[in-house]
Amino acid sequence: MFNNKTVLVTGGTGSFGKKFVQMVLERYRPAKLIIFSRDELKQFEMQQKWDARKYPCMRYFLGDVRDRDRLVRAFRNVEYVIHAAALKQVPAAEYNPQECIKTNVLGAMNVIDAALTCGVDKVIALSTDKACNPVNLYGATKLCSDRLFVAANVYSGFDGTLFSVVRYGNVVGSRGSVVPFFKERVQTGVLPITDPRMTRFWITLGQAADFVLKCLEVSRGGEIFIPKIPSMKITDLARAIGPKCKQEIIGIRPGEKLHEVLISEDEARNTVEFDQCFVVQPHKKRREELLDKLNGGGSECAETFTYCSNNNPSTITVEGLRAMLEQIEGDFDIEKSRWSLEDLPKVRLVKRSKKV
């Protein structure tokens, strides 16, 4: 898919971006793979890992998604964009709401504008379970971002840029997540637990990057793609990382939920279910069109359906969590990925001339 194509990743120096770059370089021969981010040190570190002499396709653009003009310059002649840049820390967003809005909402608007201006073929925006029925500012900004990307297809026209969203849960081991925090605290013998009832969706970085690649290939604009992923209890995660540690209950933080939601009841009426994922269509007509096209390949969700971390039929045991944590240290084995491209129909991308 990416052979001889130009791909750009906003926020490409983050945990997801680095795993995505690794997968693309292993599977394809892109013409250019552009990292767009604002941290020069992290870009320098990536350049040491993916040396330009061995990977001549690699490019690095310093810039901020808040800067529309810089995005337009970076997006020139780009065919695929993965929008991963965001402010993601819930407490930081609560304390710095204006900054979170500037990056997550205004930044999304700039990415959309730049993609339309430069004639990008496809854009995939990364989202979070916190965008579904949000109770904190971070989730609210990502909900707004999701709506912006879905609505952008109205402005792109029939043969213009296709915008879609990928929504998933917590990424195991990503920067700022609970896993590295627990690993740091194991030596103290005490692991802080906000609430023993708390549950979360979990996905590995490799699974997330692989899912995004597949969704990029089959997207036709306006969808929100949601993988079927397992849930776990926060107390089980603590036992998996520090089985001998005491669990100290510290109380839920501002903006936190006890349980996360990936599909709300209000979204269910526009959702199509597949063996390994869900696809939320922008409206009911699109859902019916997809079901007709699939001819039995997918099924509609009941209008009362919700996909929550506490009612998820797939849960991870303590042993399963330990195995997942071990997988983080190694490379993701694509042959063991259960999700298949056959779950979704392939859509031919309308080709058009690029702007010079």
Protein backbone atom coordinates (compact mmCIF):
# COMPACT_ATOMS: atom_id res chain seq x y z
CA MET A 1 0.00 0.00 0.00
CA PHE A 2 2.78 2.45 0.91
CA ASN A 3 5.28 1.37 -1.73
CA ASN A 4 6.49 4.50 -3.54
CA LYS A 5 4.05 6.62 -1.52
CA THR A 6 4.66 9.59 0.74
CA VAL A 7 3.40 9.17 4.31
CA LEU A 8 3.42 11.75 7.12
CA VAL A 9 2.85 11.16 10.84
CA THR A 10 2.04 14.11 13.10
CA GLY A 11 3.37 13.56 16.60
CA GLY A 12 5.59 10.95 14.98
CA THR A 13 8.19 10.90 17.78
CA GLY A 14 5.69 9.51 20.29
CA SER A 15 5.20 5.87 21.29
CA PHE A 16 2.68 5.18 18.52
CA GLY A 17 4.65 7.05 15.89
CA LYS A 18 7.83 5.07 16.49
CA LYS A 19 6.01 1.72 16.34
CA PHE A 20 4.14 2.83 13.20
CA VAL A 21 7.40 3.87 11.52
CA GLN A 22 8.95 0.52 12.43
CA MET A 23 6.07 -1.41 10.83
CA VAL A 24 5.99 0.70 7.68
CA LEU A 25 9.73 0.31 7.12
CA GLU A 26 9.51 -3.45 7.70
CA ARG A 27 6.62 -4.01 5.29
CA TYR A 28 6.86 -1.33 2.61
CA ARG A 29 9.24 0.80 0.58
CA PRO A 30 7.75 4.29 0.89
CA ALA A 31 9.08 7.14 -1.22
CA LYS A 32 9.11 9.33 1.88
CA LEU A 33 8.16 8.76 5.50
CA ILE A 34 7.88 12.14 7.19
CA ILE A 35 7.95 12.71 10.94
CA PHE A 36 6.21 15.95 11.91
CA SER A 37 6.69 16.95 15.55
CA ARG A 38 7.84 19.84 17.72
CA ASP A 39 10.55 18.17 19.86
CA GLU A 40 13.99 18.42 18.24
CA LEU A 41 15.62 16.09 20.80
CA LYS A 42 13.15 13.28 20.11
CA GLN A 43 13.62 13.77 16.38
CA PHE A 44 17.40 13.56 16.88
CA GLU A 45 16.95 10.31 18.81
CA MET A 46 14.79 8.86 16.02
CA GLN A 47 17.41 9.82 13.46
CA GLN A 48 19.97 7.81 15.42
CA LYS A 49 17.71 4.75 15.32
CA TRP A 50 16.66 5.09 11.67
CA ASP A 51 19.82 6.41 10.05
CA ALA A 52 19.24 8.25 6.76
CA ARG A 53 22.00 6.24 5.07
CA LYS A 54 20.10 3.01 5.68
CA TYR A 55 16.62 4.53 5.44
CA PRO A 56 16.85 7.28 2.80
CA CYS A 57 13.06 7.69 2.80
CA MET A 58 13.04 9.18 6.31
CA ARG A 59 12.35 12.92 6.63
CA TYR A 60 11.95 15.10 9.73
CA PHE A 61 9.92 18.29 9.95
CA LEU A 62 10.00 20.42 13.07
CA GLY A 63 6.61 22.00 13.55
CA ASP A 64 3.45 22.27 15.62
CA VAL A 65 -0.06 21.30 14.57
CA ARG A 66 -1.11 24.69 15.94
CA ASP A 67 0.76 26.24 12.98
CA ARG A 68 -1.39 25.86 9.86
CA ASP A 69 1.20 27.33 7.48
CA ARG A 70 3.86 24.88 8.62
CA LEU A 71 1.43 21.98 8.13
CA VAL A 72 0.64 23.12 4.60
CA ARG A 73 4.34 23.19 3.81
CA ALA A 74 4.85 19.72 5.31
CA PHE A 75 1.77 18.19 3.60
CA ARG A 76 2.83 19.19 0.09
CA ASN A 77 2.83 16.07 -2.17
CA VAL A 78 1.91 13.85 0.80
CA GLU A 79 -0.55 11.03 0.03
CA TYR A 80 -1.30 9.60 3.50
CA VAL A 81 -1.42 11.37 6.87
CA ILE A 82 -1.66 9.76 10.31
CA HIS A 83 -2.66 12.39 12.86
CA ALA A 84 -1.25 11.21 16.19
CA ALA A 85 -0.23 14.56 17.73
CA ALA A 86 -2.20 15.44 20.87
CA LEU A 87 -1.99 16.54 24.47
CA LYS A 88 -3.09 13.35 26.25
CA GLN A 89 -2.53 13.63 29.99
CA VAL A 90 -5.91 13.99 31.72
CA PRO A 91 -4.68 15.92 34.81
CA ALA A 92 -2.54 18.24 32.67
CA ALA A 93 -5.50 18.97 30.40
CA GLU A 94 -7.71 19.78 33.39
CA TYR A 95 -5.12 22.24 34.70
CA ASN A 96 -4.21 23.71 31.27
CA PRO A 97 -7.50 23.62 29.33
CA GLN A 98 -6.67 26.36 26.85
CA GLU A 99 -3.45 24.64 25.80
CA CYS A 100 -5.25 21.31 25.35
CA ILE A 101 -7.89 22.95 23.17
CA LYS A 102 -5.26 24.69 21.04
CA THR A 103 -3.51 21.40 20.25
CA ASN A 104 -6.36 18.89 20.15
CA VAL A 105 -9.14 20.99 18.59
CA LEU A 106 -7.50 23.86 16.72
CA GLY A 107 -4.69 21.51 15.73
CA ALA A 108 -7.23 19.08 14.25
CA MET A 109 -8.79 21.93 12.27
CA ASN A 110 -5.35 22.88 10.93
CA VAL A 111 -4.59 19.29 9.90
CA ILE A 112 -7.92 19.09 8.05
CA ASP A 113 -7.37 22.45 6.34
CA ALA A 114 -3.83 21.56 5.30
CA ALA A 115 -4.92 18.14 3.96
CA LEU A 116 -7.68 19.72 1.87
CA THR A 117 -5.37 22.46 0.63
CA CYS A 118 -2.63 20.03 -0.41
CA GLY A 119 -4.87 17.30 -1.85
CA VAL A 120 -3.85 14.51 0.54
CA ASP A 121 -5.49 11.19 -0.41
CA LYS A 122 -6.35 9.85 3.06
CA VAL A 123 -6.12 11.02 6.66
CA ILE A 124 -6.54 8.81 9.72
CA ALA A 125 -6.92 10.61 13.06
CA LEU A 126 -6.19 8.70 16.26
CA SER A 127 -8.78 8.94 19.01
CA THR A 128 -9.43 7.48 22.45
CA ASP A 129 -12.14 5.80 24.49
CA LYS A 130 -12.21 8.99 26.56
CA ALA A 131 -13.87 10.75 23.60
CA CYS A 132 -17.00 8.62 24.08
CA ASN A 133 -19.34 10.20 26.66
CA PRO A 134 -16.48 12.41 27.91
CA VAL A 135 -16.28 13.60 31.51
CA ASN A 136 -12.92 15.36 31.27
CA LEU A 137 -11.48 18.08 29.09
CA TYR A 138 -9.11 15.76 27.23
CA GLY A 139 -12.00 13.50 26.23
CA ALA A 140 -14.12 16.50 25.24
CA THR A 141 -11.38 17.83 22.96
CA LYS A 142 -10.95 14.43 21.31
CA LEU A 143 -14.72 14.13 20.81
CA CYS A 144 -14.63 17.52 19.12
CA SER A 145 -11.66 16.39 17.02
CA ASP A 146 -13.48 13.21 15.96
CA ARG A 147 -16.52 15.19 14.85
CA LEU A 148 -14.32 17.58 12.89
CA PHE A 149 -12.62 14.77 10.98
CA VAL A 150 -15.88 12.99 10.20
CA ALA A 151 -17.50 16.23 9.02
CA ALA A 152 -14.45 17.15 6.91
CA ASN A 153 -15.57 14.62 4.29
CA VAL A 154 -18.44 16.97 3.43
CA TYR A 155 -15.94 19.61 2.35
CA SER A 156 -13.58 17.32 0.45
CA GLY A 157 -16.09 16.33 -2.24
CA PHE A 158 -16.57 13.04 -4.07
CA ASP A 159 -12.96 12.55 -5.17
CA GLY A 160 -11.22 14.60 -2.50
CA THR A 161 -9.43 13.75 0.73
CA LEU A 162 -10.91 10.90 2.76
CA PHE A 163 -10.96 11.48 6.53
CA SER A 164 -11.52 8.68 9.05
CA VAL A 165 -10.94 8.07 12.77
CA VAL A 166 -9.47 5.14 14.72
CA ARG A 167 -10.61 4.93 18.34
CA TYR A 168 -9.09 2.52 20.85
CA GLY A 169 -8.33 2.21 24.56
CA ASN A 170 -5.21 2.50 26.69
CA VAL A 171 -1.97 1.51 24.98
CA VAL A 172 0.06 -0.83 27.16
CA GLY A 173 3.45 0.63 27.98
CA SER A 174 3.06 3.93 26.12
CA ARG A 175 4.70 7.03 27.56
CA GLY A 176 2.79 8.45 30.51
CA SER A 177 0.63 5.34 30.97
CA VAL A 178 0.10 3.41 34.19
CA VAL A 179 2.38 0.51 33.22
CA PRO A 180 5.71 2.40 33.33
CA PHE A 181 4.42 4.24 36.41
CA PHE A 182 3.74 0.95 38.23
CA LYS A 183 7.12 -0.44 37.14
CA GLU A 184 8.84 2.56 38.68
CA ARG A 185 6.91 2.16 41.93
CA VAL A 186 7.47 -1.59 42.34
CA GLN A 187 10.72 -0.96 44.22
CA THR A 188 8.80 0.95 46.91
CA GLY A 189 6.62 -2.07 47.64
CA VAL A 190 3.42 0.00 47.29
CA LEU A 191 1.32 0.54 44.15
CA PRO A 192 -1.28 3.35 44.32
CA ILE A 193 -4.77 2.37 43.13
CA THR A 194 -7.33 5.09 42.45
CA ASP A 195 -10.34 2.76 42.78
CA PRO A 196 -10.34 -1.07 43.04
CA ARG A 197 -13.45 -1.26 40.82
CA MET A 198 -11.77 0.53 37.90
CA THR A 199 -11.54 -1.23 34.51
CA ARG A 200 -9.84 -0.21 31.27
CA PHE A 201 -9.55 -1.34 27.64
CA TRP A 202 -6.03 -2.41 26.66
CA ILE A 203 -4.16 -2.74 23.37
CA THR A 204 -0.46 -3.14 22.61
CA LEU A 205 1.44 -0.60 20.52
CA GLY A 206 1.97 -3.21 17.82
CA GLN A 207 -1.72 -4.05 17.63
CA ALA A 208 -2.65 -0.37 17.52
CA ALA A 209 -0.22 0.41 14.69
CA ASP A 210 -1.28 -2.68 12.74
CA PHE A 211 -4.96 -1.79 13.13
CA VAL A 212 -4.33 1.75 11.86
CA LEU A 213 -2.52 0.41 8.80
CA LYS A 214 -5.44 -1.85 7.95
CA CYS A 215 -8.03 0.86 8.51
CA LEU A 216 -6.09 3.24 6.29
CA GLU A 217 -6.28 0.73 3.46
CA VAL A 218 -10.04 0.10 3.66
CA SER A 219 -11.37 3.49 4.76
CA ARG A 220 -13.76 5.35 2.50
CA GLY A 221 -14.25 8.46 4.64
CA GLY A 222 -16.39 9.27 7.67
CA GLU A 223 -15.91 6.05 9.65
CA ILE A 224 -14.81 5.60 13.23
CA PHE A 225 -12.96 2.26 13.41
CA ILE A 226 -12.91 0.51 16.80
CA PRO A 227 -10.97 -2.73 17.39
CA LYS A 228 -12.32 -5.46 19.64
CA ILE A 229 -9.82 -5.43 22.47
CA PRO A 230 -9.80 -6.93 25.96
CA SER A 231 -10.46 -5.21 29.28
CA MET A 232 -8.72 -5.59 32.60
CA LYS A 233 -9.14 -4.51 36.21
CA ILE A 234 -6.58 -2.04 37.49
CA THR A 235 -6.06 -4.24 40.55
CA ASP A 236 -5.17 -7.20 38.29
CA LEU A 237 -2.63 -5.04 36.45
CA ALA A 238 -1.05 -4.15 39.78
CA ARG A 239 -0.87 -7.85 40.70
CA ALA A 240 0.70 -8.68 37.31
CA ILE A 241 3.44 -6.06 37.69
CA GLY A 242 4.02 -6.19 41.44
CA PRO A 243 2.57 -9.42 42.87
CA LYS A 244 4.22 -8.78 46.26
CA CYS A 245 3.34 -5.09 46.42
CA LYS A 246 0.73 -3.60 48.71
CA GLN A 247 -2.12 -1.84 46.88
CA GLU A 248 -2.88 1.56 48.39
CA ILE A 249 -6.27 3.11 47.56
CA ILE A 250 -5.76 6.83 46.90
CA GLY A 251 -9.12 7.81 45.39
CA ILE A 252 -10.20 8.59 41.84
CA ARG A 253 -8.59 11.65 40.23
CA PRO A 254 -10.47 14.60 38.71
CA GLY A 255 -11.76 13.74 35.24
CA GLU A 256 -11.36 9.97 35.61
CA LYS A 257 -14.07 7.40 34.95
CA LEU A 258 -14.52 4.11 36.75
CA HIS A 259 -15.12 2.40 33.38
CA GLU A 260 -14.35 3.51 29.83
CA VAL A 261 -16.70 3.38 26.84
CA LEU A 262 -15.70 2.74 23.22
CA ILE A 263 -19.21 2.75 21.73
CA SER A 264 -22.09 4.58 23.36
CA GLU A 265 -25.73 3.59 23.08
CA ASP A 266 -26.35 6.64 20.89
CA GLU A 267 -23.63 5.53 18.44
CA ALA A 268 -24.86 1.92 18.32
CA ARG A 269 -27.62 2.66 15.82
CA ASN A 270 -25.00 3.66 13.24
CA THR A 271 -22.53 0.86 14.05
CA VAL A 272 -21.66 -2.25 12.05
CA GLU A 273 -20.03 -5.16 13.88
CA PHE A 274 -17.38 -7.45 12.38
CA ASP A 275 -15.54 -10.41 13.85
CA GLN A 276 -12.66 -8.32 15.19
CA CYS A 277 -13.82 -4.70 15.04
CA PHE A 278 -16.70 -2.24 14.93
CA VAL A 279 -17.24 0.53 12.40
CA VAL A 280 -19.33 3.55 13.41
CA GLN A 281 -20.77 5.15 10.29
CA PRO A 282 -21.54 8.90 10.18
CA HIS A 283 -25.27 8.26 9.74
CA LYS A 284 -27.79 5.44 9.44
CA LYS A 285 -27.96 5.54 5.64
CA ARG A 286 -24.23 4.87 5.36
CA ARG A 287 -24.61 1.97 7.79
CA GLU A 288 -27.35 0.44 5.64
CA GLU A 289 -25.29 0.93 2.48
CA LEU A 290 -22.33 -0.85 4.09
CA LEU A 291 -24.50 -3.75 5.25
CA ASP A 292 -25.99 -4.13 1.75
CA LYS A 293 -22.53 -4.07 0.17
CA LEU A 294 -21.18 -6.67 2.58
CA ASN A 295 -24.09 -9.04 1.92
CA GLY A 296 -23.86 -10.73 5.30
CA GLY A 297 -20.23 -9.88 6.02
CA GLY A 298 -21.17 -7.67 8.96
CA SER A 299 -24.10 -7.23 11.33
CA GLU A 300 -25.90 -4.22 12.77
CA CYS A 301 -25.66 -3.53 16.49
CA ALA A 302 -28.76 -3.40 18.65
CA GLU A 303 -29.86 0.15 19.46
CA THR A 304 -29.31 -0.52 23.16
CA PHE A 305 -25.78 -1.87 22.60
CA THR A 306 -22.82 -0.33 24.43
CA TYR A 307 -19.18 -1.37 24.37
CA CYS A 308 -17.78 -0.67 27.85
CA SER A 309 -14.73 -1.91 29.70
CA ASN A 310 -16.89 -3.36 32.48
CA ASN A 311 -19.30 -5.27 30.19
CA ASN A 312 -16.68 -6.43 27.71
CA PRO A 313 -16.94 -10.21 27.10
CA SER A 314 -13.16 -10.30 26.61
CA THR A 315 -11.19 -9.75 29.81
CA ILE A 316 -7.52 -10.33 30.61
CA THR A 317 -6.46 -12.46 33.55
CA VAL A 318 -3.39 -11.67 35.65
CA GLU A 319 -1.46 -14.31 33.68
CA GLY A 320 -2.67 -12.80 30.42
CA LEU A 321 -1.53 -9.38 31.52
CA ARG A 322 1.93 -10.71 32.30
CA ALA A 323 2.10 -12.25 28.82
CA MET A 324 1.00 -8.94 27.26
CA LEU A 325 3.63 -7.05 29.22
CA GLU A 326 6.28 -9.48 27.97
CA GLN A 327 5.07 -8.89 24.41
CA ILE A 328 5.76 -5.18 24.78
CA GLU A 329 9.47 -5.91 25.03
CA GLY A 330 9.50 -7.87 21.77
CA ASP A 331 8.37 -7.19 18.24
CA PHE A 332 4.71 -7.57 17.38
CA ASP A 333 4.08 -10.76 15.44
CA ILE A 334 1.70 -9.89 12.61
CA GLU A 335 1.01 -13.57 11.96
CA LYS A 336 -0.62 -13.76 15.41
CA SER A 337 -2.91 -10.81 14.74
CA ARG A 338 -6.49 -12.08 14.63
CA TRP A 339 -7.90 -9.05 12.82
CA SER A 340 -8.19 -9.49 9.07
CA LEU A 341 -8.59 -7.15 6.14
CA GLU A 342 -11.36 -9.44 4.96
CA ASP A 343 -13.47 -8.05 7.80
CA LEU A 344 -14.01 -4.89 5.77
CA PRO A 345 -14.66 -4.21 2.08
CA LYS A 346 -11.82 -2.80 0.04
CA VAL A 347 -12.58 0.52 -1.61
CA ARG A 348 -10.74 1.73 -4.68
CA LEU A 349 -9.14 5.10 -4.11
CA VAL A 350 -9.89 7.65 -6.82
CA LYS A 351 -6.57 8.89 -8.17
CA ARG A 352 -5.98 12.50 -9.06
CA SER A 353 -3.06 14.69 -10.02
CA LYS A 354 -0.91 16.13 -7.29
CA LYS A 355 -0.33 19.82 -6.77
CA VAL A 356 3.19 21.00 -7.42
